[in-house]
Amino acid sequence: QVQLAESGGGLVQAGDSLRLSCAGSGQFFSTYTLGWFRQAPGKEREFAAAIWWNGNTFYADSVKGRFTISRDNSKETLYLQMNSLEPEDTAVYYCAAAGSGRYDLLKSYTYWGQGTQVTVSS
């Protein structure tokens, strides 16, 4: 079993940067695909970014070129560096761990954190 806890959210202005962290614990953390999803008010939770155990990364078109996902398996921590933030990025951000399945599907992820709020003002 894997436990996840996000941190680093906050209120920023458009154009600012923010780095989210997700501290993990549990067996085989380094073998999981890890992802970031986000949920804006009144909308469904959506895929933002994912990283495989070997470091391959994947991004939603809406964040590509602005967000960078990374992981430090020695620290069992996942990161999301968010640059050039836009008001449309306002959402609760969740980290998740998947054992198998497509990296961009919610149903592939077994373990979820509680989420951290990111608010971007214009």
C-alpha atoms as a PDB file:
ATOM      1  CA  GLN A   1       0.000   0.000   0.000  1.00  0.00           C
ATOM      2  CA  VAL A   2       1.143   3.560  -0.774  1.00  0.00           C
ATOM      3  CA  GLN A   3       0.229   6.706   1.121  1.00  0.00           C
ATOM      4  CA  LEU A   4       0.496  10.089  -0.566  1.00  0.00           C
ATOM      5  CA  ALA A   5       0.411  13.637   0.792  1.00  0.00           C
ATOM      6  CA  GLU A   6       0.539  16.788  -1.340  1.00  0.00           C
ATOM      7  CA  SER A   7       1.939  20.155  -0.325  1.00  0.00           C
ATOM      8  CA  GLY A   8       2.956  23.428  -1.913  1.00  0.00           C
ATOM      9  CA  GLY A   9      -0.345  24.823  -3.099  1.00  0.00           C
ATOM     10  CA  GLY A  10      -1.321  28.435  -2.584  1.00  0.00           C
ATOM     11  CA  LEU A  11      -2.555  31.694  -4.062  1.00  0.00           C
ATOM     12  CA  VAL A  12      -0.438  33.222  -6.816  1.00  0.00           C
ATOM     13  CA  GLN A  13      -0.823  35.719  -9.631  1.00  0.00           C
ATOM     14  CA  ALA A  14      -0.973  34.933 -13.317  1.00  0.00           C
ATOM     15  CA  GLY A  15       2.510  34.396 -14.696  1.00  0.00           C
ATOM     16  CA  ASP A  16       3.921  33.194 -11.382  1.00  0.00           C
ATOM     17  CA  SER A  17       5.448  29.806 -10.643  1.00  0.00           C
ATOM     18  CA  LEU A  18       4.676  27.212  -7.995  1.00  0.00           C
ATOM     19  CA  ARG A  19       6.109  23.818  -7.120  1.00  0.00           C
ATOM     20  CA  LEU A  20       3.955  21.082  -5.724  1.00  0.00           C
ATOM     21  CA  SER A  21       5.374  18.146  -3.794  1.00  0.00           C
ATOM     22  CA  CYS A  22       3.866  14.765  -3.047  1.00  0.00           C
ATOM     23  CA  ALA A  23       5.461  12.755  -0.268  1.00  0.00           C
ATOM     24  CA  GLY A  24       4.946   9.040  -0.592  1.00  0.00           C
ATOM     25  CA  SER A  25       5.419   6.095   1.709  1.00  0.00           C
ATOM     26  CA  GLY A  26       4.981   2.390   1.278  1.00  0.00           C
ATOM     27  CA  GLN A  27       6.480  -0.514  -0.514  1.00  0.00           C
ATOM     28  CA  PHE A  28       7.611  -0.396  -4.109  1.00  0.00           C
ATOM     29  CA  PHE A  29       7.076   3.363  -4.505  1.00  0.00           C
ATOM     30  CA  SER A  30       9.747   3.495  -7.181  1.00  0.00           C
ATOM     31  CA  THR A  31       7.903   0.991  -9.356  1.00  0.00           C
ATOM     32  CA  TYR A  32       4.656   2.926  -9.664  1.00  0.00           C
ATOM     33  CA  THR A  33       3.582   5.248 -12.403  1.00  0.00           C
ATOM     34  CA  LEU A  34       2.917   8.551 -10.650  1.00  0.00           C
ATOM     35  CA  GLY A  35       0.569  11.217 -11.835  1.00  0.00           C
ATOM     36  CA  TRP A  36      -0.845  14.643 -11.147  1.00  0.00           C
ATOM     37  CA  PHE A  37      -4.511  15.294 -11.721  1.00  0.00           C
ATOM     38  CA  ARG A  38      -6.520  18.423 -11.081  1.00  0.00           C
ATOM     39  CA  GLN A  39     -10.125  19.301 -10.448  1.00  0.00           C
ATOM     40  CA  ALA A  40     -11.517  22.770 -11.001  1.00  0.00           C
ATOM     41  CA  PRO A  41     -14.784  23.873  -9.350  1.00  0.00           C
ATOM     42  CA  GLY A  42     -17.751  22.294 -11.075  1.00  0.00           C
ATOM     43  CA  LYS A  43     -15.583  20.199 -13.369  1.00  0.00           C
ATOM     44  CA  GLU A  44     -14.423  16.614 -13.487  1.00  0.00           C
ATOM     45  CA  ARG A  45     -10.995  15.590 -12.321  1.00  0.00           C
ATOM     46  CA  GLU A  46      -8.583  15.661 -15.255  1.00  0.00           C
ATOM     47  CA  PHE A  47      -5.130  14.393 -16.094  1.00  0.00           C
ATOM     48  CA  ALA A  48      -2.270  16.895 -15.950  1.00  0.00           C
ATOM     49  CA  ALA A  49       1.007  14.955 -15.993  1.00  0.00           C
ATOM     50  CA  ALA A  50       2.484  11.528 -15.350  1.00  0.00           C
ATOM     51  CA  ILE A  51       5.888   9.924 -14.972  1.00  0.00           C
ATOM     52  CA  TRP A  52       6.856   6.289 -15.371  1.00  0.00           C
ATOM     53  CA  TRP A  53       9.203   4.391 -13.100  1.00  0.00           C
ATOM     54  CA  ASN A  54      11.981   4.923 -15.668  1.00  0.00           C
ATOM     55  CA  GLY A  55      11.482   8.693 -15.856  1.00  0.00           C
ATOM     56  CA  ASN A  56       9.450   8.953 -19.061  1.00  0.00           C
ATOM     57  CA  THR A  57       7.048  11.879 -18.771  1.00  0.00           C
ATOM     58  CA  PHE A  58       3.671  12.698 -20.263  1.00  0.00           C
ATOM     59  CA  TYR A  59       1.591  15.871 -20.221  1.00  0.00           C
ATOM     60  CA  ALA A  60      -1.861  17.096 -21.036  1.00  0.00           C
ATOM     61  CA  ASP A  61      -1.853  19.565 -23.915  1.00  0.00           C
ATOM     62  CA  SER A  62      -3.124  22.280 -21.589  1.00  0.00           C
ATOM     63  CA  VAL A  63       0.032  22.197 -19.446  1.00  0.00           C
ATOM     64  CA  LYS A  64       2.678  21.049 -21.912  1.00  0.00           C
ATOM     65  CA  GLY A  65       5.610  23.436 -22.026  1.00  0.00           C
ATOM     66  CA  ARG A  66       4.635  25.076 -18.732  1.00  0.00           C
ATOM     67  CA  PHE A  67       4.574  22.214 -16.202  1.00  0.00           C
ATOM     68  CA  THR A  68       7.342  19.734 -15.432  1.00  0.00           C
ATOM     69  CA  ILE A  69       6.816  16.503 -13.515  1.00  0.00           C
ATOM     70  CA  SER A  70       9.711  14.785 -11.778  1.00  0.00           C
ATOM     71  CA  ARG A  71      10.326  12.206  -9.093  1.00  0.00           C
ATOM     72  CA  ASP A  72      13.010  11.418  -6.551  1.00  0.00           C
ATOM     73  CA  ASN A  73      12.658   7.764  -5.678  1.00  0.00           C
ATOM     74  CA  SER A  74      15.337   7.969  -2.983  1.00  0.00           C
ATOM     75  CA  LYS A  75      13.121  10.498  -1.175  1.00  0.00           C
ATOM     76  CA  GLU A  76       9.858   8.871  -2.308  1.00  0.00           C
ATOM     77  CA  THR A  77       8.695  12.243  -3.532  1.00  0.00           C
ATOM     78  CA  LEU A  78       6.898  13.427  -6.640  1.00  0.00           C
ATOM     79  CA  TYR A  79       7.078  17.019  -7.877  1.00  0.00           C
ATOM     80  CA  LEU A  80       5.197  19.288 -10.232  1.00  0.00           C
ATOM     81  CA  GLN A  81       6.921  22.485 -11.256  1.00  0.00           C
ATOM     82  CA  MET A  82       4.316  24.883 -12.627  1.00  0.00           C
ATOM     83  CA  ASN A  83       5.453  27.941 -14.554  1.00  0.00           C
ATOM     84  CA  SER A  84       3.551  30.685 -16.359  1.00  0.00           C
ATOM     85  CA  LEU A  85       0.457  29.919 -14.341  1.00  0.00           C
ATOM     86  CA  GLU A  86      -2.891  31.011 -15.718  1.00  0.00           C
ATOM     87  CA  PRO A  87      -6.240  31.564 -13.984  1.00  0.00           C
ATOM     88  CA  GLU A  88      -7.456  28.448 -15.832  1.00  0.00           C
ATOM     89  CA  ASP A  89      -4.955  26.415 -13.791  1.00  0.00           C
ATOM     90  CA  THR A  90      -6.949  27.109 -10.641  1.00  0.00           C
ATOM     91  CA  ALA A  91      -7.925  23.725  -9.182  1.00  0.00           C
ATOM     92  CA  VAL A  92      -7.299  21.212  -6.461  1.00  0.00           C
ATOM     93  CA  TYR A  93      -4.254  19.214  -7.474  1.00  0.00           C
ATOM     94  CA  TYR A  94      -3.995  15.538  -6.586  1.00  0.00           C
ATOM     95  CA  CYS A  95      -1.080  13.156  -6.830  1.00  0.00           C
ATOM     96  CA  ALA A  96      -1.732   9.500  -7.488  1.00  0.00           C
ATOM     97  CA  ALA A  97       0.049   6.201  -7.922  1.00  0.00           C
ATOM     98  CA  ALA A  98      -0.864   3.572 -10.495  1.00  0.00           C
ATOM     99  CA  GLY A  99       0.125  -0.033 -10.751  1.00  0.00           C
ATOM    100  CA  SER A 100      -0.920  -0.538 -14.361  1.00  0.00           C
ATOM    101  CA  GLY A 101      -3.054   0.895 -17.138  1.00  0.00           C
ATOM    102  CA  ARG A 102      -2.987   4.051 -19.190  1.00  0.00           C
ATOM    103  CA  TYR A 103      -1.246   6.905 -17.451  1.00  0.00           C
ATOM    104  CA  ASP A 104      -3.934   9.448 -18.330  1.00  0.00           C
ATOM    105  CA  LEU A 105      -6.937   7.550 -16.964  1.00  0.00           C
ATOM    106  CA  LEU A 106      -8.206   8.041 -13.414  1.00  0.00           C
ATOM    107  CA  LYS A 107      -9.183   4.403 -13.152  1.00  0.00           C
ATOM    108  CA  SER A 108      -5.552   3.338 -13.602  1.00  0.00           C
ATOM    109  CA  TYR A 109      -4.621   4.938 -10.284  1.00  0.00           C
ATOM    110  CA  THR A 110      -5.080   3.051  -7.062  1.00  0.00           C
ATOM    111  CA  TYR A 111      -3.721   5.449  -4.475  1.00  0.00           C
ATOM    112  CA  TRP A 112      -4.568   9.129  -4.120  1.00  0.00           C
ATOM    113  CA  GLY A 113      -3.533  12.016  -1.938  1.00  0.00           C
ATOM    114  CA  GLN A 114      -5.975  14.433  -0.330  1.00  0.00           C
ATOM    115  CA  GLY A 115      -5.206  17.282  -2.716  1.00  0.00           C
ATOM    116  CA  THR A 116      -3.751  20.776  -2.461  1.00  0.00           C
ATOM    117  CA  GLN A 117      -5.468  23.948  -3.633  1.00  0.00           C
ATOM    118  CA  VAL A 118      -3.858  26.119  -6.294  1.00  0.00           C
ATOM    119  CA  THR A 119      -5.492  29.460  -7.013  1.00  0.00           C
ATOM    120  CA  VAL A 120      -4.238  31.745  -9.756  1.00  0.00           C
ATOM    121  CA  SER A 121      -5.549  35.303  -9.801  1.00  0.00           C
ATOM    122  CA  SER A 122      -5.610  37.428 -12.940  1.00  0.00           C
END
